[in-house]
Amino acid sequence: MPDPNSPFMKASAAELLARLPGRPSAPWPQAERFLQALNHGSMTVELYAPVGTDPQQPHQQDELYFVISGTGEFVCGQERSRFDPNTVLFVPAGAVHRFENFATWVVFWGPRGGES
């Protein structure tokens, strides 16, 4: 059993994927496609695995996406780029972006509005 006073944290993509899809909600009428894995200070790690279209909106924090499965195209602003497993993508706070057919770790950190 983990020590509740330890700063060590661990998450398993396989365990989180087994819990998806989540419950339906207003932005996710077909059921939520993300789960929070870890949280510490301004850092949050989520597993994000949408099906079909990616309905997310711009976020208030900088983001890193670590693609763990699937291939597709990532669109950020006017740029379009192919991705596959083992790709890492950075998205600055407030940037319009989307992608499809993948599962990825998402890391949010820092102050609202992003780091300078």
N, C-alpha and C. Protein backbone atom coordinates (compact mmCIF):
# COMPACT_ATOMS: atom_id res chain seq x y z
N MET A 1 0.85 -1.18 0.00
CA MET A 1 0.00 0.00 0.00
C MET A 1 0.89 1.24 0.00
N PRO A 2 0.61 2.24 -0.86
CA PRO A 2 1.43 3.45 -0.90
C PRO A 2 1.35 4.23 0.39
N ASP A 3 2.44 4.87 0.74
CA ASP A 3 2.50 5.73 1.91
C ASP A 3 1.75 7.03 1.61
N PRO A 4 0.67 7.37 2.35
CA PRO A 4 -0.11 8.58 2.06
C PRO A 4 0.70 9.86 2.26
N ASN A 5 1.84 9.80 2.95
CA ASN A 5 2.68 10.98 3.17
C ASN A 5 3.80 11.10 2.13
N SER A 6 3.91 10.13 1.23
CA SER A 6 4.97 10.13 0.23
C SER A 6 4.59 11.03 -0.95
N PRO A 7 5.55 11.76 -1.54
CA PRO A 7 5.27 12.56 -2.73
C PRO A 7 5.21 11.72 -4.00
N PHE A 8 5.54 10.44 -3.91
CA PHE A 8 5.54 9.55 -5.08
C PHE A 8 4.11 9.36 -5.60
N MET A 9 3.94 9.43 -6.92
CA MET A 9 2.65 9.19 -7.56
C MET A 9 2.89 8.30 -8.77
N LYS A 10 1.88 7.51 -9.12
CA LYS A 10 1.99 6.59 -10.25
C LYS A 10 0.62 6.44 -10.89
N ALA A 11 0.59 6.31 -12.21
CA ALA A 11 -0.67 6.08 -12.93
C ALA A 11 -0.44 5.06 -14.03
N SER A 12 -1.46 4.30 -14.35
CA SER A 12 -1.39 3.28 -15.39
C SER A 12 -2.39 3.62 -16.50
N ALA A 13 -1.88 3.78 -17.72
CA ALA A 13 -2.77 4.06 -18.85
C ALA A 13 -3.74 2.91 -19.06
N ALA A 14 -3.29 1.67 -18.93
CA ALA A 14 -4.17 0.52 -19.13
C ALA A 14 -5.33 0.53 -18.14
N GLU A 15 -5.03 0.83 -16.88
CA GLU A 15 -6.10 0.88 -15.87
C GLU A 15 -7.09 2.01 -16.15
N LEU A 16 -6.59 3.16 -16.56
CA LEU A 16 -7.48 4.27 -16.86
C LEU A 16 -8.32 4.01 -18.11
N LEU A 17 -7.69 3.47 -19.16
CA LEU A 17 -8.43 3.16 -20.39
C LEU A 17 -9.57 2.18 -20.12
N ALA A 18 -9.36 1.26 -19.19
CA ALA A 18 -10.39 0.28 -18.85
C ALA A 18 -11.61 0.94 -18.21
N ARG A 19 -11.44 2.15 -17.67
CA ARG A 19 -12.54 2.87 -17.02
C ARG A 19 -13.26 3.81 -17.98
N LEU A 20 -12.82 3.89 -19.23
CA LEU A 20 -13.47 4.75 -20.22
C LEU A 20 -14.42 3.93 -21.08
N PRO A 21 -15.48 4.44 -21.58
CA PRO A 21 -15.91 5.84 -21.42
C PRO A 21 -16.50 6.08 -20.04
N GLY A 22 -16.47 7.35 -19.66
CA GLY A 22 -17.06 7.77 -18.39
C GLY A 22 -18.53 8.07 -18.56
N ARG A 23 -19.06 8.89 -17.66
CA ARG A 23 -20.48 9.24 -17.70
C ARG A 23 -20.76 10.30 -18.76
N PRO A 24 -21.96 10.31 -19.33
CA PRO A 24 -22.35 11.40 -20.23
C PRO A 24 -22.43 12.71 -19.44
N SER A 25 -22.11 13.81 -20.12
CA SER A 25 -22.20 15.13 -19.52
C SER A 25 -22.55 16.12 -20.63
N ALA A 26 -22.77 17.38 -20.28
CA ALA A 26 -23.16 18.38 -21.29
C ALA A 26 -22.13 18.47 -22.42
N PRO A 27 -20.82 18.64 -22.12
CA PRO A 27 -19.89 18.71 -23.24
C PRO A 27 -19.59 17.34 -23.86
N TRP A 28 -19.94 16.27 -23.17
CA TRP A 28 -19.65 14.91 -23.63
C TRP A 28 -20.94 14.07 -23.63
N PRO A 29 -21.91 14.36 -24.50
CA PRO A 29 -23.17 13.63 -24.48
C PRO A 29 -23.01 12.13 -24.77
N GLN A 30 -21.93 11.75 -25.45
CA GLN A 30 -21.67 10.34 -25.74
C GLN A 30 -20.84 9.68 -24.64
N ALA A 31 -20.54 10.37 -23.56
CA ALA A 31 -19.78 9.93 -22.39
C ALA A 31 -18.39 10.55 -22.38
N GLU A 32 -17.93 10.89 -21.19
CA GLU A 32 -16.62 11.52 -21.04
C GLU A 32 -15.51 10.59 -21.51
N ARG A 33 -14.48 11.17 -22.12
CA ARG A 33 -13.38 10.41 -22.69
C ARG A 33 -12.04 10.78 -22.05
N PHE A 34 -12.08 11.27 -20.81
CA PHE A 34 -10.83 11.59 -20.12
C PHE A 34 -10.98 11.27 -18.64
N LEU A 35 -9.84 11.01 -17.99
CA LEU A 35 -9.81 10.76 -16.56
C LEU A 35 -8.57 11.43 -15.98
N GLN A 36 -8.71 12.00 -14.80
CA GLN A 36 -7.55 12.56 -14.12
C GLN A 36 -6.74 11.42 -13.53
N ALA A 37 -5.42 11.44 -13.76
CA ALA A 37 -4.54 10.40 -13.26
C ALA A 37 -3.75 10.87 -12.04
N LEU A 38 -3.18 12.07 -12.12
CA LEU A 38 -2.35 12.61 -11.05
C LEU A 38 -2.61 14.11 -10.91
N ASN A 39 -2.36 14.64 -9.71
CA ASN A 39 -2.53 16.06 -9.47
C ASN A 39 -1.59 16.47 -8.36
N HIS A 40 -0.83 17.55 -8.60
CA HIS A 40 0.08 18.07 -7.57
C HIS A 40 0.35 19.54 -7.88
N GLY A 41 0.07 20.44 -6.95
CA GLY A 41 0.29 21.86 -7.19
C GLY A 41 -0.45 22.32 -8.43
N SER A 42 0.25 22.97 -9.36
CA SER A 42 -0.39 23.45 -10.59
C SER A 42 -0.38 22.39 -11.69
N MET A 43 0.15 21.18 -11.41
CA MET A 43 0.26 20.12 -12.42
C MET A 43 -0.89 19.14 -12.30
N THR A 44 -1.52 18.84 -13.43
CA THR A 44 -2.54 17.80 -13.52
C THR A 44 -2.18 16.91 -14.70
N VAL A 45 -2.26 15.60 -14.52
CA VAL A 45 -2.05 14.64 -15.60
C VAL A 45 -3.37 13.93 -15.83
N GLU A 46 -3.81 13.89 -17.09
CA GLU A 46 -5.04 13.21 -17.46
C GLU A 46 -4.76 12.22 -18.58
N LEU A 47 -5.62 11.23 -18.70
CA LEU A 47 -5.62 10.38 -19.88
C LEU A 47 -6.80 10.85 -20.72
N TYR A 48 -6.54 11.13 -21.99
CA TYR A 48 -7.56 11.66 -22.89
C TYR A 48 -7.64 10.77 -24.10
N ALA A 49 -8.83 10.21 -24.38
CA ALA A 49 -8.99 9.28 -25.49
C ALA A 49 -10.36 9.47 -26.15
N PRO A 50 -10.52 10.55 -26.94
CA PRO A 50 -11.81 10.78 -27.59
C PRO A 50 -12.05 9.79 -28.72
N VAL A 51 -13.30 9.63 -29.06
CA VAL A 51 -13.70 8.79 -30.20
C VAL A 51 -14.39 9.70 -31.20
N GLY A 52 -14.01 9.58 -32.48
CA GLY A 52 -14.61 10.46 -33.49
C GLY A 52 -14.00 11.84 -33.42
N THR A 53 -14.83 12.86 -33.26
CA THR A 53 -14.33 14.23 -33.21
C THR A 53 -13.85 14.59 -31.81
N ASP A 54 -12.95 15.54 -31.77
CA ASP A 54 -12.36 16.03 -30.53
C ASP A 54 -13.08 17.31 -30.13
N PRO A 55 -13.95 17.29 -29.10
CA PRO A 55 -14.76 18.46 -28.77
C PRO A 55 -14.10 19.46 -27.82
N GLN A 56 -12.84 19.26 -27.48
CA GLN A 56 -12.25 20.13 -26.47
C GLN A 56 -12.14 21.58 -26.93
N GLN A 57 -12.11 22.46 -25.96
CA GLN A 57 -11.96 23.89 -26.16
C GLN A 57 -10.58 24.31 -25.66
N PRO A 58 -10.10 25.51 -26.02
CA PRO A 58 -8.80 25.97 -25.51
C PRO A 58 -8.78 25.94 -23.98
N HIS A 59 -7.59 25.64 -23.44
CA HIS A 59 -7.41 25.54 -21.99
C HIS A 59 -6.69 26.75 -21.45
N GLN A 60 -6.82 26.97 -20.15
CA GLN A 60 -6.22 28.13 -19.50
C GLN A 60 -4.78 27.90 -19.05
N GLN A 61 -4.28 26.67 -19.23
CA GLN A 61 -2.90 26.36 -18.87
C GLN A 61 -2.17 25.80 -20.08
N ASP A 62 -0.83 25.88 -20.07
CA ASP A 62 -0.03 25.22 -21.08
C ASP A 62 -0.28 23.71 -20.97
N GLU A 63 -0.09 23.00 -22.09
CA GLU A 63 -0.34 21.55 -22.11
C GLU A 63 0.76 20.80 -22.84
N LEU A 64 1.03 19.59 -22.39
CA LEU A 64 1.84 18.63 -23.12
C LEU A 64 0.98 17.41 -23.37
N TYR A 65 0.98 16.92 -24.60
CA TYR A 65 0.29 15.68 -24.95
C TYR A 65 1.36 14.64 -25.27
N PHE A 66 1.31 13.48 -24.62
CA PHE A 66 2.19 12.36 -24.90
C PHE A 66 1.31 11.29 -25.55
N VAL A 67 1.40 11.12 -26.85
CA VAL A 67 0.53 10.18 -27.57
C VAL A 67 0.99 8.76 -27.26
N ILE A 68 0.06 7.92 -26.76
CA ILE A 68 0.42 6.54 -26.41
C ILE A 68 -0.18 5.52 -27.37
N SER A 69 -1.22 5.91 -28.12
CA SER A 69 -1.76 4.99 -29.12
C SER A 69 -2.51 5.78 -30.17
N GLY A 70 -2.64 5.17 -31.34
CA GLY A 70 -3.39 5.78 -32.43
C GLY A 70 -2.54 6.69 -33.30
N THR A 71 -3.07 7.01 -34.45
CA THR A 71 -2.43 7.93 -35.38
C THR A 71 -3.49 8.89 -35.87
N GLY A 72 -3.07 10.00 -36.41
CA GLY A 72 -4.03 10.95 -36.94
C GLY A 72 -3.37 12.26 -37.25
N GLU A 73 -4.16 13.31 -37.27
CA GLU A 73 -3.66 14.65 -37.52
C GLU A 73 -3.99 15.54 -36.34
N PHE A 74 -3.03 16.38 -35.99
CA PHE A 74 -3.17 17.35 -34.93
C PHE A 74 -3.25 18.73 -35.58
N VAL A 75 -4.23 19.51 -35.17
CA VAL A 75 -4.40 20.86 -35.70
C VAL A 75 -4.28 21.84 -34.55
N CYS A 76 -3.37 22.81 -34.70
CA CYS A 76 -3.18 23.86 -33.70
C CYS A 76 -3.13 25.17 -34.45
N GLY A 77 -4.17 25.99 -34.28
CA GLY A 77 -4.26 27.22 -35.05
C GLY A 77 -4.39 26.87 -36.52
N GLN A 78 -3.48 27.37 -37.35
CA GLN A 78 -3.49 27.10 -38.80
C GLN A 78 -2.56 25.96 -39.19
N GLU A 79 -1.85 25.37 -38.21
CA GLU A 79 -0.89 24.30 -38.51
C GLU A 79 -1.53 22.93 -38.37
N ARG A 80 -1.19 22.04 -39.29
CA ARG A 80 -1.68 20.67 -39.27
C ARG A 80 -0.47 19.75 -39.32
N SER A 81 -0.45 18.70 -38.46
CA SER A 81 0.69 17.80 -38.39
C SER A 81 0.23 16.38 -38.09
N ARG A 82 0.83 15.39 -38.76
CA ARG A 82 0.54 13.98 -38.47
C ARG A 82 1.19 13.61 -37.14
N PHE A 83 0.57 12.66 -36.43
CA PHE A 83 1.16 12.15 -35.19
C PHE A 83 0.97 10.65 -35.14
N ASP A 84 1.79 9.99 -34.33
CA ASP A 84 1.67 8.56 -34.07
C ASP A 84 2.14 8.31 -32.64
N PRO A 85 2.07 7.06 -32.15
CA PRO A 85 2.52 6.81 -30.78
C PRO A 85 3.96 7.30 -30.58
N ASN A 86 4.24 7.74 -29.39
CA ASN A 86 5.54 8.26 -28.97
C ASN A 86 5.78 9.70 -29.41
N THR A 87 4.76 10.38 -29.91
CA THR A 87 4.86 11.79 -30.27
C THR A 87 4.51 12.63 -29.05
N VAL A 88 5.23 13.73 -28.85
CA VAL A 88 4.94 14.69 -27.80
C VAL A 88 4.56 16.00 -28.47
N LEU A 89 3.45 16.61 -28.02
CA LEU A 89 2.95 17.86 -28.60
C LEU A 89 2.80 18.90 -27.49
N PHE A 90 3.23 20.13 -27.75
CA PHE A 90 3.05 21.23 -26.81
C PHE A 90 1.98 22.16 -27.36
N VAL A 91 1.07 22.59 -26.48
CA VAL A 91 0.03 23.55 -26.85
C VAL A 91 0.05 24.68 -25.81
N PRO A 92 0.28 25.93 -26.24
CA PRO A 92 0.26 27.02 -25.27
C PRO A 92 -1.16 27.31 -24.79
N ALA A 93 -1.26 27.85 -23.60
CA ALA A 93 -2.55 28.22 -23.02
C ALA A 93 -3.33 29.07 -24.01
N GLY A 94 -4.63 28.77 -24.16
CA GLY A 94 -5.51 29.56 -25.00
C GLY A 94 -5.52 29.19 -26.47
N ALA A 95 -4.62 28.30 -26.92
CA ALA A 95 -4.55 27.95 -28.34
C ALA A 95 -5.70 27.02 -28.74
N VAL A 96 -6.31 27.30 -29.88
CA VAL A 96 -7.35 26.43 -30.43
C VAL A 96 -6.65 25.21 -31.04
N HIS A 97 -7.07 24.01 -30.65
CA HIS A 97 -6.43 22.79 -31.15
C HIS A 97 -7.40 21.62 -31.09
N ARG A 98 -7.09 20.58 -31.89
CA ARG A 98 -7.92 19.37 -31.88
C ARG A 98 -7.16 18.24 -32.56
N PHE A 99 -7.56 17.00 -32.25
CA PHE A 99 -7.09 15.83 -32.96
C PHE A 99 -8.03 14.67 -32.73
N GLU A 100 -7.84 13.57 -33.51
CA GLU A 100 -8.77 12.44 -33.49
C GLU A 100 -8.01 11.11 -33.46
N ASN A 101 -8.73 10.06 -33.02
CA ASN A 101 -8.26 8.66 -33.10
C ASN A 101 -6.96 8.41 -32.35
N PHE A 102 -6.96 8.64 -31.07
CA PHE A 102 -5.74 8.46 -30.30
C PHE A 102 -6.07 8.31 -28.82
N ALA A 103 -5.09 7.90 -28.05
CA ALA A 103 -5.13 7.98 -26.60
C ALA A 103 -3.84 8.67 -26.20
N THR A 104 -3.90 9.56 -25.25
CA THR A 104 -2.72 10.36 -24.89
C THR A 104 -2.74 10.75 -23.43
N TRP A 105 -1.56 10.90 -22.87
CA TRP A 105 -1.44 11.53 -21.57
C TRP A 105 -1.48 13.03 -21.82
N VAL A 106 -2.15 13.77 -20.97
CA VAL A 106 -2.20 15.23 -21.06
C VAL A 106 -1.67 15.78 -19.75
N VAL A 107 -0.71 16.69 -19.82
CA VAL A 107 -0.14 17.30 -18.62
C VAL A 107 -0.42 18.80 -18.68
N PHE A 108 -1.13 19.31 -17.68
CA PHE A 108 -1.38 20.75 -17.52
C PHE A 108 -0.50 21.22 -16.37
N TRP A 109 0.09 22.42 -16.50
CA TRP A 109 0.89 22.94 -15.41
C TRP A 109 0.95 24.45 -15.50
N GLY A 110 1.42 25.05 -14.43
CA GLY A 110 1.70 26.48 -14.41
C GLY A 110 0.47 27.34 -14.18
N PRO A 111 0.70 28.64 -14.18
CA PRO A 111 -0.38 29.58 -13.88
C PRO A 111 -1.37 29.68 -15.03
N ARG A 112 -2.58 30.11 -14.71
CA ARG A 112 -3.58 30.38 -15.77
C ARG A 112 -2.99 31.41 -16.72
N GLY A 113 -3.20 31.21 -18.00
CA GLY A 113 -2.62 32.10 -18.99
C GLY A 113 -1.29 31.61 -19.50
N GLY A 114 -0.70 30.59 -18.85
CA GLY A 114 0.56 29.99 -19.29
C GLY A 114 1.77 30.72 -18.77
N GLU A 115 2.92 30.09 -18.98
CA GLU A 115 4.18 30.67 -18.57
C GLU A 115 4.72 31.58 -19.68
N SER A 116 5.46 32.58 -19.31
CA SER A 116 6.04 33.51 -20.29
C SER A 116 7.29 32.93 -20.90
